[in-house]
Amino acid sequence: MRQGPGAGQGASGACAARSRTRLPSPSSRVREAGFTNPVLTDGDNGIIAGHGRVLSARKLGLAVVPVIERAHLTPVHRRA
């Protein structure tokens, strides 16, 4: 499945701890190699894993990102 990078609803503050000065940047890796890991969603467009990849896709102006929907996971498993 592929979705637009603006479709997902990330957990509040999920990327707050991510430093903007880390090297190499996630955006540069996505630009050079494309996506090697899909974004995981919860079935309601909530992002389980891949917040940084979605931010990179938005920054690069990508129209779609690879997504695996994991709607069957319980809330406990989503946070694991």
Protein backbone atom coordinates (compact mmCIF):
# COMPACT_ATOMS: atom_id res chain seq x y z
CA MET A 1 0.00 0.00 0.00
CA ARG A 2 1.21 3.52 -0.66
CA GLN A 3 -0.14 6.71 0.88
CA GLY A 4 0.63 10.38 0.71
CA PRO A 5 3.01 11.48 3.47
CA GLY A 6 0.42 13.93 4.80
CA ALA A 7 -2.14 11.19 5.45
CA GLY A 8 -0.69 9.77 8.67
CA GLN A 9 -1.45 11.04 12.14
CA GLY A 10 1.70 10.77 14.23
CA ALA A 11 1.73 10.49 17.99
CA SER A 12 2.06 13.88 19.60
CA GLY A 13 5.72 14.70 20.07
CA ALA A 14 6.92 11.39 18.63
CA CYS A 15 9.79 13.07 16.82
CA ALA A 16 10.51 15.72 19.41
CA ALA A 17 13.63 13.93 20.61
CA ARG A 18 15.06 13.57 17.10
CA SER A 19 17.99 15.91 16.65
CA ARG A 20 18.01 18.06 13.54
CA THR A 21 21.82 18.02 13.44
CA ARG A 22 22.38 14.27 13.07
CA LEU A 23 24.39 13.11 10.07
CA PRO A 24 23.46 11.91 7.55
CA SER A 25 19.96 13.31 7.55
CA PRO A 26 17.04 10.96 6.96
CA SER A 27 15.99 13.13 4.01
CA SER A 28 19.34 12.70 2.29
CA ARG A 29 19.14 8.92 2.74
CA VAL A 30 15.62 8.80 1.30
CA ARG A 31 16.67 11.04 -1.60
CA GLU A 32 19.70 8.86 -2.41
CA ALA A 33 18.37 5.34 -1.82
CA GLY A 34 14.59 5.67 -1.68
CA PHE A 35 12.58 3.93 0.99
CA THR A 36 14.02 0.67 2.29
CA ASN A 37 11.55 0.37 5.18
CA PRO A 38 7.84 1.16 4.87
CA VAL A 39 5.88 3.29 7.32
CA LEU A 40 3.71 1.23 9.68
CA THR A 41 0.17 2.51 10.27
CA ASP A 42 -2.60 1.44 12.64
CA GLY A 43 -5.52 1.23 10.21
CA ASP A 44 -6.78 4.74 11.06
CA ASN A 45 -3.85 6.54 9.38
CA GLY A 46 -2.03 6.71 12.71
CA ILE A 47 1.70 6.18 12.37
CA ILE A 48 3.11 3.37 14.48
CA ALA A 49 6.66 3.51 13.11
CA GLY A 50 8.26 5.75 10.50
CA HIS A 51 7.62 9.26 11.77
CA GLY A 52 11.04 10.42 10.54
CA ARG A 53 10.47 8.83 7.14
CA VAL A 54 7.17 10.69 6.79
CA LEU A 55 8.83 13.98 7.76
CA SER A 56 11.57 13.31 5.21
CA ALA A 57 9.01 12.54 2.51
CA ARG A 58 7.17 15.79 3.25
CA LYS A 59 10.44 17.73 3.18
CA LEU A 60 11.32 16.19 -0.20
CA GLY A 61 7.84 16.79 -1.62
CA LEU A 62 7.18 13.09 -2.27
CA ALA A 63 3.60 12.28 -3.28
CA VAL A 64 3.50 8.75 -1.82
CA VAL A 65 5.38 6.60 0.67
CA PRO A 66 5.31 2.81 1.14
CA VAL A 67 2.97 1.79 3.97
CA ILE A 68 2.16 -1.46 5.76
CA GLU A 69 -1.13 -1.31 7.62
CA ARG A 70 -1.13 -3.15 10.96
CA ALA A 71 -4.76 -2.62 11.99
CA HIS A 72 -4.88 -5.90 13.92
CA LEU A 73 -2.39 -4.75 16.58
CA THR A 74 -3.66 -3.95 20.06
CA PRO A 75 -2.76 -0.58 21.59
CA VAL A 76 -0.15 -2.32 23.77
CA HIS A 77 1.48 -3.91 20.71
CA ARG A 78 1.43 -0.60 18.82
CA ARG A 79 3.49 1.02 21.57
CA ALA A 80 5.98 -1.87 21.81
